[in-house]
N, C-alpha and C. Protein backbone atom coordinates (compact mmCIF):
# COMPACT_ATOMS: atom_id res chain seq x y z
N MET A 1 0.84 -1.18 0.00
CA MET A 1 0.00 0.00 0.00
C MET A 1 0.89 1.24 0.00
N SER A 2 0.47 2.23 -0.76
CA SER A 2 1.17 3.51 -0.72
C SER A 2 0.18 4.64 -0.91
N ILE A 3 0.50 5.75 -0.29
CA ILE A 3 -0.29 6.97 -0.45
C ILE A 3 0.50 7.86 -1.39
N ILE A 4 -0.20 8.35 -2.43
CA ILE A 4 0.45 9.14 -3.47
C ILE A 4 -0.16 10.53 -3.52
N LEU A 5 0.68 11.55 -3.48
CA LEU A 5 0.26 12.94 -3.64
C LEU A 5 0.61 13.35 -5.06
N GLY A 6 -0.42 13.71 -5.82
CA GLY A 6 -0.23 14.22 -7.17
C GLY A 6 -0.42 15.72 -7.18
N ILE A 7 0.41 16.42 -7.95
CA ILE A 7 0.35 17.88 -8.03
C ILE A 7 0.27 18.31 -9.50
N ASP A 8 -0.69 19.17 -9.78
CA ASP A 8 -0.80 19.84 -11.08
C ASP A 8 -0.44 21.30 -10.82
N PRO A 9 0.82 21.67 -11.06
CA PRO A 9 1.28 22.99 -10.64
C PRO A 9 0.75 24.13 -11.51
N GLY A 10 0.61 25.27 -10.89
CA GLY A 10 0.22 26.48 -11.59
C GLY A 10 0.57 27.68 -10.74
N SER A 11 0.80 28.82 -11.38
CA SER A 11 1.18 30.01 -10.62
C SER A 11 -0.05 30.75 -10.08
N ARG A 12 -1.23 30.36 -10.55
CA ARG A 12 -2.47 30.95 -10.03
C ARG A 12 -3.32 29.93 -9.28
N LEU A 13 -3.28 28.70 -9.76
CA LEU A 13 -4.07 27.62 -9.18
C LEU A 13 -3.24 26.34 -9.27
N THR A 14 -2.98 25.71 -8.14
CA THR A 14 -2.24 24.46 -8.11
C THR A 14 -3.17 23.37 -7.62
N GLY A 15 -3.41 22.38 -8.49
CA GLY A 15 -4.28 21.27 -8.11
C GLY A 15 -3.51 20.23 -7.31
N PHE A 16 -4.21 19.57 -6.39
CA PHE A 16 -3.61 18.46 -5.65
C PHE A 16 -4.62 17.33 -5.55
N GLY A 17 -4.09 16.13 -5.51
CA GLY A 17 -4.93 14.95 -5.37
C GLY A 17 -4.16 13.89 -4.61
N ILE A 18 -4.82 13.26 -3.66
CA ILE A 18 -4.17 12.23 -2.85
C ILE A 18 -5.00 10.96 -2.93
N ILE A 19 -4.31 9.87 -3.30
CA ILE A 19 -4.96 8.58 -3.41
C ILE A 19 -4.15 7.54 -2.64
N GLU A 20 -4.83 6.43 -2.35
CA GLU A 20 -4.16 5.28 -1.76
C GLU A 20 -4.15 4.20 -2.83
N SER A 21 -3.03 3.55 -3.00
CA SER A 21 -2.89 2.49 -3.99
C SER A 21 -2.55 1.20 -3.26
N ARG A 22 -3.42 0.20 -3.42
CA ARG A 22 -3.19 -1.15 -2.88
C ARG A 22 -3.25 -2.12 -4.03
N GLY A 23 -2.11 -2.49 -4.56
CA GLY A 23 -2.11 -3.34 -5.74
C GLY A 23 -2.81 -2.63 -6.88
N SER A 24 -3.84 -3.26 -7.42
CA SER A 24 -4.57 -2.63 -8.52
C SER A 24 -5.76 -1.79 -8.04
N LYS A 25 -5.98 -1.74 -6.74
CA LYS A 25 -7.10 -0.97 -6.19
C LYS A 25 -6.65 0.44 -5.81
N LEU A 26 -7.44 1.41 -6.24
CA LEU A 26 -7.17 2.81 -5.93
C LEU A 26 -8.30 3.34 -5.06
N ARG A 27 -7.93 4.15 -4.07
CA ARG A 27 -8.94 4.75 -3.20
C ARG A 27 -8.67 6.24 -3.08
N TYR A 28 -9.71 7.01 -3.29
CA TYR A 28 -9.64 8.47 -3.19
C TYR A 28 -9.52 8.87 -1.72
N LEU A 29 -8.58 9.78 -1.43
CA LEU A 29 -8.47 10.32 -0.08
C LEU A 29 -8.94 11.78 -0.04
N THR A 30 -8.37 12.62 -0.90
CA THR A 30 -8.79 14.02 -0.94
C THR A 30 -8.24 14.67 -2.21
N SER A 31 -8.80 15.82 -2.53
CA SER A 31 -8.28 16.61 -3.65
C SER A 31 -8.79 18.04 -3.50
N GLY A 32 -8.20 18.92 -4.28
CA GLY A 32 -8.64 20.31 -4.25
C GLY A 32 -7.65 21.19 -4.98
N CYS A 33 -7.75 22.46 -4.71
CA CYS A 33 -6.88 23.44 -5.37
C CYS A 33 -6.31 24.41 -4.35
N ILE A 34 -5.07 24.71 -4.56
CA ILE A 34 -4.41 25.77 -3.78
C ILE A 34 -4.60 27.03 -4.60
N ARG A 35 -5.40 27.94 -4.09
CA ARG A 35 -5.69 29.19 -4.81
C ARG A 35 -4.64 30.21 -4.39
N ILE A 36 -3.88 30.65 -5.37
CA ILE A 36 -2.77 31.55 -5.12
C ILE A 36 -3.25 33.00 -5.15
N ASP A 37 -2.81 33.77 -4.18
CA ASP A 37 -3.18 35.19 -4.11
C ASP A 37 -2.40 35.95 -5.17
N THR A 38 -3.04 36.21 -6.31
CA THR A 38 -2.35 36.84 -7.45
C THR A 38 -2.11 38.33 -7.25
N THR A 39 -2.62 38.89 -6.16
CA THR A 39 -2.34 40.31 -5.89
C THR A 39 -0.96 40.48 -5.26
N GLN A 40 -0.37 39.37 -4.81
CA GLN A 40 0.95 39.40 -4.17
C GLN A 40 2.05 39.21 -5.22
N ASP A 41 3.28 39.51 -4.82
CA ASP A 41 4.41 39.32 -5.74
C ASP A 41 4.72 37.83 -5.88
N LEU A 42 5.55 37.50 -6.87
CA LEU A 42 5.84 36.11 -7.20
C LEU A 42 6.47 35.36 -6.03
N ALA A 43 7.38 35.98 -5.31
CA ALA A 43 8.03 35.31 -4.17
C ALA A 43 7.01 34.86 -3.14
N TYR A 44 6.04 35.72 -2.85
CA TYR A 44 4.99 35.37 -1.88
C TYR A 44 4.16 34.21 -2.40
N ARG A 45 3.82 34.23 -3.69
CA ARG A 45 3.00 33.16 -4.28
C ARG A 45 3.73 31.82 -4.23
N LEU A 46 5.04 31.83 -4.51
CA LEU A 46 5.82 30.60 -4.46
C LEU A 46 5.89 30.06 -3.02
N LYS A 47 6.03 30.98 -2.08
CA LYS A 47 6.02 30.59 -0.66
C LYS A 47 4.67 29.97 -0.29
N GLN A 48 3.59 30.52 -0.82
CA GLN A 48 2.24 30.01 -0.55
C GLN A 48 2.11 28.56 -1.06
N ILE A 49 2.62 28.29 -2.25
CA ILE A 49 2.59 26.93 -2.79
C ILE A 49 3.41 26.00 -1.89
N PHE A 50 4.61 26.43 -1.56
CA PHE A 50 5.49 25.62 -0.71
C PHE A 50 4.80 25.30 0.63
N THR A 51 4.23 26.30 1.26
CA THR A 51 3.59 26.12 2.57
C THR A 51 2.40 25.18 2.48
N CYS A 52 1.56 25.35 1.48
CA CYS A 52 0.37 24.51 1.35
C CYS A 52 0.73 23.06 1.02
N VAL A 53 1.70 22.85 0.15
CA VAL A 53 2.12 21.48 -0.17
C VAL A 53 2.75 20.84 1.06
N THR A 54 3.54 21.59 1.81
CA THR A 54 4.13 21.07 3.04
C THR A 54 3.03 20.65 4.02
N GLN A 55 1.98 21.47 4.16
CA GLN A 55 0.87 21.13 5.05
C GLN A 55 0.16 19.84 4.61
N LEU A 56 -0.04 19.70 3.29
CA LEU A 56 -0.66 18.47 2.77
C LEU A 56 0.20 17.24 3.10
N ILE A 57 1.49 17.38 2.93
CA ILE A 57 2.41 16.26 3.22
C ILE A 57 2.37 15.91 4.71
N GLU A 58 2.37 16.92 5.56
CA GLU A 58 2.34 16.67 7.00
C GLU A 58 1.02 16.03 7.43
N GLU A 59 -0.09 16.45 6.82
CA GLU A 59 -1.39 15.92 7.22
C GLU A 59 -1.64 14.51 6.69
N TYR A 60 -1.30 14.24 5.44
CA TYR A 60 -1.65 12.96 4.82
C TYR A 60 -0.50 11.97 4.76
N GLN A 61 0.72 12.40 5.06
CA GLN A 61 1.88 11.52 5.11
C GLN A 61 2.02 10.63 3.87
N PRO A 62 2.06 11.23 2.68
CA PRO A 62 2.19 10.40 1.47
C PRO A 62 3.54 9.69 1.44
N ASP A 63 3.54 8.55 0.75
CA ASP A 63 4.77 7.78 0.56
C ASP A 63 5.49 8.22 -0.71
N GLU A 64 4.71 8.76 -1.65
CA GLU A 64 5.27 9.12 -2.96
C GLU A 64 4.66 10.43 -3.44
N PHE A 65 5.42 11.13 -4.28
CA PHE A 65 5.04 12.45 -4.77
C PHE A 65 5.19 12.45 -6.29
N ALA A 66 4.12 12.78 -6.99
CA ALA A 66 4.15 12.82 -8.45
C ALA A 66 3.69 14.20 -8.92
N ILE A 67 4.35 14.70 -9.95
CA ILE A 67 4.06 16.05 -10.44
C ILE A 67 4.15 16.08 -11.96
N GLU A 68 3.39 16.98 -12.55
CA GLU A 68 3.43 17.12 -14.00
C GLU A 68 4.70 17.84 -14.43
N GLN A 69 5.29 17.36 -15.52
CA GLN A 69 6.47 18.01 -16.09
C GLN A 69 6.09 19.33 -16.74
N VAL A 70 7.05 20.22 -16.85
CA VAL A 70 6.83 21.48 -17.55
C VAL A 70 6.82 21.21 -19.05
N PHE A 71 5.91 21.86 -19.74
CA PHE A 71 5.93 21.80 -21.20
C PHE A 71 6.09 23.23 -21.69
N MET A 72 6.74 23.38 -22.81
CA MET A 72 6.98 24.72 -23.34
C MET A 72 5.83 25.11 -24.25
N GLY A 73 5.03 26.04 -23.80
CA GLY A 73 3.92 26.54 -24.59
C GLY A 73 4.36 27.70 -25.45
N LYS A 74 3.40 28.47 -25.90
CA LYS A 74 3.69 29.62 -26.76
C LYS A 74 4.22 30.80 -25.96
N ASN A 75 3.86 30.86 -24.68
CA ASN A 75 4.23 32.00 -23.85
C ASN A 75 5.37 31.60 -22.90
N ALA A 76 6.55 32.08 -23.18
CA ALA A 76 7.74 31.73 -22.38
C ALA A 76 7.59 32.20 -20.93
N ASP A 77 6.99 33.38 -20.71
CA ASP A 77 6.80 33.90 -19.36
C ASP A 77 5.93 32.97 -18.53
N SER A 78 4.86 32.46 -19.12
CA SER A 78 3.98 31.52 -18.42
C SER A 78 4.72 30.23 -18.09
N ALA A 79 5.53 29.74 -19.02
CA ALA A 79 6.29 28.52 -18.79
C ALA A 79 7.29 28.70 -17.64
N LEU A 80 7.91 29.87 -17.57
CA LEU A 80 8.85 30.14 -16.49
C LEU A 80 8.13 30.18 -15.14
N LYS A 81 6.97 30.83 -15.08
CA LYS A 81 6.20 30.89 -13.83
C LYS A 81 5.74 29.50 -13.42
N LEU A 82 5.32 28.69 -14.40
CA LEU A 82 4.90 27.32 -14.12
C LEU A 82 6.09 26.53 -13.55
N GLY A 83 7.25 26.71 -14.14
CA GLY A 83 8.44 26.03 -13.65
C GLY A 83 8.79 26.41 -12.23
N GLN A 84 8.59 27.68 -11.90
CA GLN A 84 8.87 28.14 -10.54
C GLN A 84 7.84 27.56 -9.56
N ALA A 85 6.58 27.47 -9.97
CA ALA A 85 5.55 26.87 -9.12
C ALA A 85 5.88 25.39 -8.88
N ARG A 86 6.29 24.70 -9.94
CA ARG A 86 6.70 23.30 -9.81
C ARG A 86 7.85 23.18 -8.82
N GLY A 87 8.82 24.08 -8.96
CA GLY A 87 9.98 24.06 -8.09
C GLY A 87 9.61 24.20 -6.63
N SER A 88 8.67 25.07 -6.34
CA SER A 88 8.22 25.25 -4.95
C SER A 88 7.61 23.97 -4.39
N ALA A 89 6.78 23.32 -5.20
CA ALA A 89 6.15 22.07 -4.76
C ALA A 89 7.19 20.96 -4.61
N ILE A 90 8.13 20.89 -5.54
CA ILE A 90 9.17 19.86 -5.49
C ILE A 90 10.06 20.04 -4.27
N VAL A 91 10.41 21.28 -3.95
CA VAL A 91 11.24 21.54 -2.77
C VAL A 91 10.48 21.13 -1.50
N ALA A 92 9.18 21.40 -1.45
CA ALA A 92 8.38 20.99 -0.28
C ALA A 92 8.45 19.47 -0.12
N ALA A 93 8.32 18.72 -1.22
CA ALA A 93 8.39 17.26 -1.16
C ALA A 93 9.80 16.81 -0.75
N SER A 94 10.78 17.45 -1.33
CA SER A 94 12.17 17.09 -1.04
C SER A 94 12.52 17.34 0.43
N MET A 95 12.03 18.44 0.96
CA MET A 95 12.29 18.78 2.36
C MET A 95 11.67 17.74 3.31
N LYS A 96 10.66 17.03 2.85
CA LYS A 96 10.00 15.98 3.65
C LYS A 96 10.50 14.59 3.25
N GLU A 97 11.64 14.57 2.52
CA GLU A 97 12.30 13.32 2.14
C GLU A 97 11.48 12.42 1.21
N LEU A 98 10.60 13.01 0.41
CA LEU A 98 9.83 12.23 -0.56
C LEU A 98 10.57 12.17 -1.89
N SER A 99 10.54 11.01 -2.52
CA SER A 99 11.06 10.91 -3.88
C SER A 99 10.08 11.61 -4.81
N VAL A 100 10.60 12.25 -5.84
CA VAL A 100 9.77 13.01 -6.77
C VAL A 100 9.73 12.27 -8.11
N PHE A 101 8.53 12.04 -8.61
CA PHE A 101 8.32 11.40 -9.90
C PHE A 101 7.61 12.38 -10.81
N GLU A 102 8.09 12.50 -12.05
CA GLU A 102 7.55 13.48 -12.98
C GLU A 102 6.94 12.78 -14.18
N TYR A 103 5.80 13.31 -14.64
CA TYR A 103 5.09 12.72 -15.78
C TYR A 103 4.67 13.81 -16.75
N ALA A 104 4.86 13.54 -18.03
CA ALA A 104 4.43 14.46 -19.08
C ALA A 104 2.91 14.45 -19.15
N ALA A 105 2.33 15.59 -19.51
CA ALA A 105 0.87 15.72 -19.59
C ALA A 105 0.28 14.68 -20.55
N ARG A 106 0.92 14.47 -21.68
CA ARG A 106 0.41 13.48 -22.65
C ARG A 106 0.43 12.07 -22.07
N ALA A 107 1.45 11.75 -21.29
CA ALA A 107 1.55 10.42 -20.67
C ALA A 107 0.44 10.23 -19.64
N VAL A 108 0.12 11.29 -18.90
CA VAL A 108 -0.95 11.23 -17.90
C VAL A 108 -2.29 10.99 -18.59
N LYS A 109 -2.55 11.76 -19.65
CA LYS A 109 -3.81 11.60 -20.39
C LYS A 109 -3.90 10.20 -20.99
N GLN A 110 -2.78 9.70 -21.52
CA GLN A 110 -2.74 8.36 -22.11
C GLN A 110 -3.05 7.30 -21.05
N ALA A 111 -2.45 7.43 -19.88
CA ALA A 111 -2.63 6.44 -18.82
C ALA A 111 -4.07 6.42 -18.31
N VAL A 112 -4.68 7.58 -18.21
CA VAL A 112 -6.00 7.67 -17.59
C VAL A 112 -7.15 7.49 -18.59
N THR A 113 -6.98 8.02 -19.80
CA THR A 113 -8.09 7.97 -20.78
C THR A 113 -7.82 7.04 -21.95
N GLY A 114 -6.56 6.69 -22.16
CA GLY A 114 -6.21 5.89 -23.32
C GLY A 114 -5.83 6.72 -24.53
N ARG A 115 -5.93 8.06 -24.40
CA ARG A 115 -5.58 8.98 -25.50
C ARG A 115 -4.70 10.10 -24.97
N GLY A 116 -3.53 10.26 -25.55
CA GLY A 116 -2.61 11.31 -25.13
C GLY A 116 -3.09 12.71 -25.42
N GLY A 117 -4.05 12.84 -26.34
CA GLY A 117 -4.58 14.16 -26.69
C GLY A 117 -5.96 14.40 -26.11
N ALA A 118 -6.31 13.69 -25.04
CA ALA A 118 -7.65 13.80 -24.44
C ALA A 118 -7.92 15.22 -23.94
N GLU A 119 -9.18 15.60 -23.96
CA GLU A 119 -9.61 16.90 -23.43
C GLU A 119 -9.74 16.82 -21.91
N LYS A 120 -9.74 18.00 -21.27
CA LYS A 120 -9.88 18.07 -19.80
C LYS A 120 -11.12 17.35 -19.30
N GLU A 121 -12.23 17.49 -20.03
CA GLU A 121 -13.49 16.87 -19.62
C GLU A 121 -13.37 15.34 -19.59
N GLN A 122 -12.62 14.78 -20.55
CA GLN A 122 -12.41 13.33 -20.59
C GLN A 122 -11.59 12.87 -19.39
N VAL A 123 -10.58 13.66 -19.04
CA VAL A 123 -9.75 13.33 -17.88
C VAL A 123 -10.61 13.38 -16.62
N GLN A 124 -11.41 14.42 -16.47
CA GLN A 124 -12.31 14.54 -15.32
C GLN A 124 -13.22 13.32 -15.22
N HIS A 125 -13.82 12.95 -16.34
CA HIS A 125 -14.75 11.82 -16.35
C HIS A 125 -14.06 10.52 -15.94
N MET A 126 -12.89 10.26 -16.51
CA MET A 126 -12.19 9.01 -16.20
C MET A 126 -11.69 8.98 -14.75
N VAL A 127 -11.26 10.11 -14.24
CA VAL A 127 -10.86 10.17 -12.83
C VAL A 127 -12.06 9.85 -11.95
N GLN A 128 -13.21 10.41 -12.29
CA GLN A 128 -14.44 10.13 -11.54
C GLN A 128 -14.75 8.63 -11.56
N VAL A 129 -14.64 8.02 -12.73
CA VAL A 129 -14.94 6.59 -12.87
C VAL A 129 -13.91 5.74 -12.13
N LEU A 130 -12.63 6.01 -12.36
CA LEU A 130 -11.57 5.19 -11.76
C LEU A 130 -11.56 5.24 -10.24
N LEU A 131 -11.92 6.39 -9.69
CA LEU A 131 -11.91 6.54 -8.23
C LEU A 131 -13.31 6.42 -7.62
N ASN A 132 -14.29 6.11 -8.46
CA ASN A 132 -15.68 5.92 -8.00
C ASN A 132 -16.18 7.14 -7.21
N LEU A 133 -15.98 8.32 -7.78
CA LEU A 133 -16.38 9.57 -7.13
C LEU A 133 -17.84 9.88 -7.46
N PRO A 134 -18.56 10.53 -6.57
CA PRO A 134 -19.97 10.86 -6.82
C PRO A 134 -20.17 11.93 -7.90
N GLY A 135 -19.16 12.74 -8.15
CA GLY A 135 -19.25 13.80 -9.16
C GLY A 135 -17.89 14.07 -9.76
N LYS A 136 -17.87 14.90 -10.80
CA LYS A 136 -16.60 15.24 -11.44
C LYS A 136 -15.82 16.20 -10.56
N PRO A 137 -14.54 15.92 -10.33
CA PRO A 137 -13.73 16.87 -9.57
C PRO A 137 -13.42 18.11 -10.41
N GLN A 138 -13.09 19.20 -9.76
CA GLN A 138 -12.70 20.43 -10.45
C GLN A 138 -11.53 20.07 -11.37
N ALA A 139 -11.37 20.76 -12.49
CA ALA A 139 -10.41 20.39 -13.54
C ALA A 139 -8.97 20.27 -13.03
N ASP A 140 -8.48 21.23 -12.25
CA ASP A 140 -7.10 21.16 -11.78
C ASP A 140 -6.92 20.04 -10.75
N ALA A 141 -7.93 19.81 -9.91
CA ALA A 141 -7.87 18.70 -8.96
C ALA A 141 -7.91 17.37 -9.71
N ALA A 142 -8.73 17.29 -10.76
CA ALA A 142 -8.80 16.07 -11.57
C ALA A 142 -7.46 15.78 -12.22
N ASP A 143 -6.80 16.82 -12.72
CA ASP A 143 -5.48 16.64 -13.32
C ASP A 143 -4.48 16.11 -12.28
N ALA A 144 -4.52 16.64 -11.07
CA ALA A 144 -3.62 16.19 -10.01
C ALA A 144 -3.92 14.73 -9.64
N LEU A 145 -5.20 14.38 -9.55
CA LEU A 145 -5.57 12.99 -9.27
C LEU A 145 -5.10 12.08 -10.41
N ALA A 146 -5.22 12.56 -11.65
CA ALA A 146 -4.78 11.79 -12.81
C ALA A 146 -3.27 11.54 -12.74
N ILE A 147 -2.52 12.52 -12.28
CA ILE A 147 -1.07 12.36 -12.12
C ILE A 147 -0.78 11.30 -11.06
N ALA A 148 -1.51 11.34 -9.95
CA ALA A 148 -1.33 10.32 -8.90
C ALA A 148 -1.71 8.93 -9.43
N ILE A 149 -2.78 8.84 -10.19
CA ILE A 149 -3.22 7.56 -10.77
C ILE A 149 -2.14 7.04 -11.73
N THR A 150 -1.61 7.92 -12.55
CA THR A 150 -0.55 7.54 -13.50
C THR A 150 0.64 6.97 -12.75
N HIS A 151 1.01 7.60 -11.65
CA HIS A 151 2.13 7.10 -10.87
C HIS A 151 1.80 5.72 -10.28
N ALA A 152 0.59 5.55 -9.79
CA ALA A 152 0.19 4.25 -9.24
C ALA A 152 0.29 3.17 -10.32
N TYR A 153 -0.23 3.47 -11.51
CA TYR A 153 -0.16 2.52 -12.63
C TYR A 153 1.29 2.22 -13.00
N SER A 154 2.11 3.27 -13.04
CA SER A 154 3.52 3.12 -13.40
C SER A 154 4.23 2.23 -12.38
N SER A 155 3.97 2.46 -11.11
CA SER A 155 4.59 1.67 -10.04
C SER A 155 4.15 0.21 -10.14
N GLN A 156 2.86 -0.02 -10.40
CA GLN A 156 2.33 -1.39 -10.53
C GLN A 156 3.01 -2.11 -11.69
N ASN A 157 3.21 -1.38 -12.79
CA ASN A 157 3.87 -1.95 -13.97
C ASN A 157 5.30 -2.38 -13.64
N LEU A 158 6.03 -1.53 -12.91
CA LEU A 158 7.40 -1.86 -12.56
C LEU A 158 7.46 -3.08 -11.65
N VAL A 159 6.51 -3.16 -10.71
CA VAL A 159 6.47 -4.31 -9.81
C VAL A 159 6.14 -5.57 -10.59
N ALA A 160 5.18 -5.47 -11.51
CA ALA A 160 4.81 -6.63 -12.32
C ALA A 160 5.98 -7.09 -13.18
N GLN A 161 6.69 -6.13 -13.78
CA GLN A 161 7.83 -6.49 -14.61
C GLN A 161 8.93 -7.15 -13.77
N ALA A 162 9.17 -6.64 -12.59
CA ALA A 162 10.19 -7.23 -11.72
C ALA A 162 9.79 -8.64 -11.33
N GLY A 163 8.53 -8.84 -11.01
CA GLY A 163 8.03 -10.17 -10.65
C GLY A 163 8.14 -11.14 -11.79
N ALA A 164 7.84 -10.68 -12.99
CA ALA A 164 7.91 -11.55 -14.17
C ALA A 164 9.34 -11.96 -14.45
N SER A 165 10.28 -11.04 -14.31
CA SER A 165 11.67 -11.40 -14.59
C SER A 165 12.22 -12.31 -13.51
N GLN A 166 11.77 -12.15 -12.27
CA GLN A 166 12.21 -13.05 -11.20
C GLN A 166 11.66 -14.45 -11.42
N GLN A 167 10.41 -14.54 -11.85
CA GLN A 167 9.80 -15.84 -12.13
C GLN A 167 10.58 -16.57 -13.21
N LYS A 168 10.92 -15.87 -14.27
CA LYS A 168 11.66 -16.49 -15.36
C LYS A 168 12.98 -17.06 -14.85
N ARG A 169 13.68 -16.25 -14.08
CA ARG A 169 14.96 -16.71 -13.54
C ARG A 169 14.76 -17.94 -12.67
N GLY A 170 13.69 -17.93 -11.88
CA GLY A 170 13.40 -19.05 -10.99
C GLY A 170 13.11 -20.32 -11.80
N ARG A 171 12.37 -20.20 -12.88
CA ARG A 171 12.05 -21.37 -13.68
C ARG A 171 13.29 -21.95 -14.35
N LEU A 172 14.20 -21.09 -14.73
CA LEU A 172 15.40 -21.58 -15.37
C LEU A 172 16.29 -22.36 -14.41
N LYS A 173 16.20 -22.07 -13.15
CA LYS A 173 17.04 -22.73 -12.16
C LYS A 173 16.45 -24.07 -11.71
N VAL A 174 15.20 -24.31 -12.03
CA VAL A 174 14.55 -25.55 -11.61
C VAL A 174 15.01 -26.68 -12.52
N PHE A 175 15.46 -27.81 -11.89
CA PHE A 175 15.94 -28.96 -12.66
C PHE A 175 14.97 -30.10 -12.55
């Protein structure tokens, strides 16, 4: 069993989602958005992200931390701010001794919906279905939950692959 904190970083709104993964079973714990005070300067906003992520880690004690990778959009300034928001969240995880796992947005969409080019609404719907939620989560929270789900799937795959290779070795040694 592991508790996974997923983060969808943003300089105005940072989504978070926390799930429990037990083998192939996923259980929703909580999700939401860190609403950043955009009237403040950038340093204050980054501190706000750091503080809120630290509080989430202290309260839910996740075993693993997953975050979306930065992608370069058309606006370089936005990409830089996104990178700084990511950095604040990553430092919060690092300060609490959590390993950081990063996933590209297309990989997250592929893992959750089966299509790397899926729309936000499709991600929301599949997160709702996969976690058996009563309603669709807010878009940024859904993205964060999707990142946590992707990490759970990725971890399960690695465990399955390790088990399969150990089995093969074991069979070869049997006389």
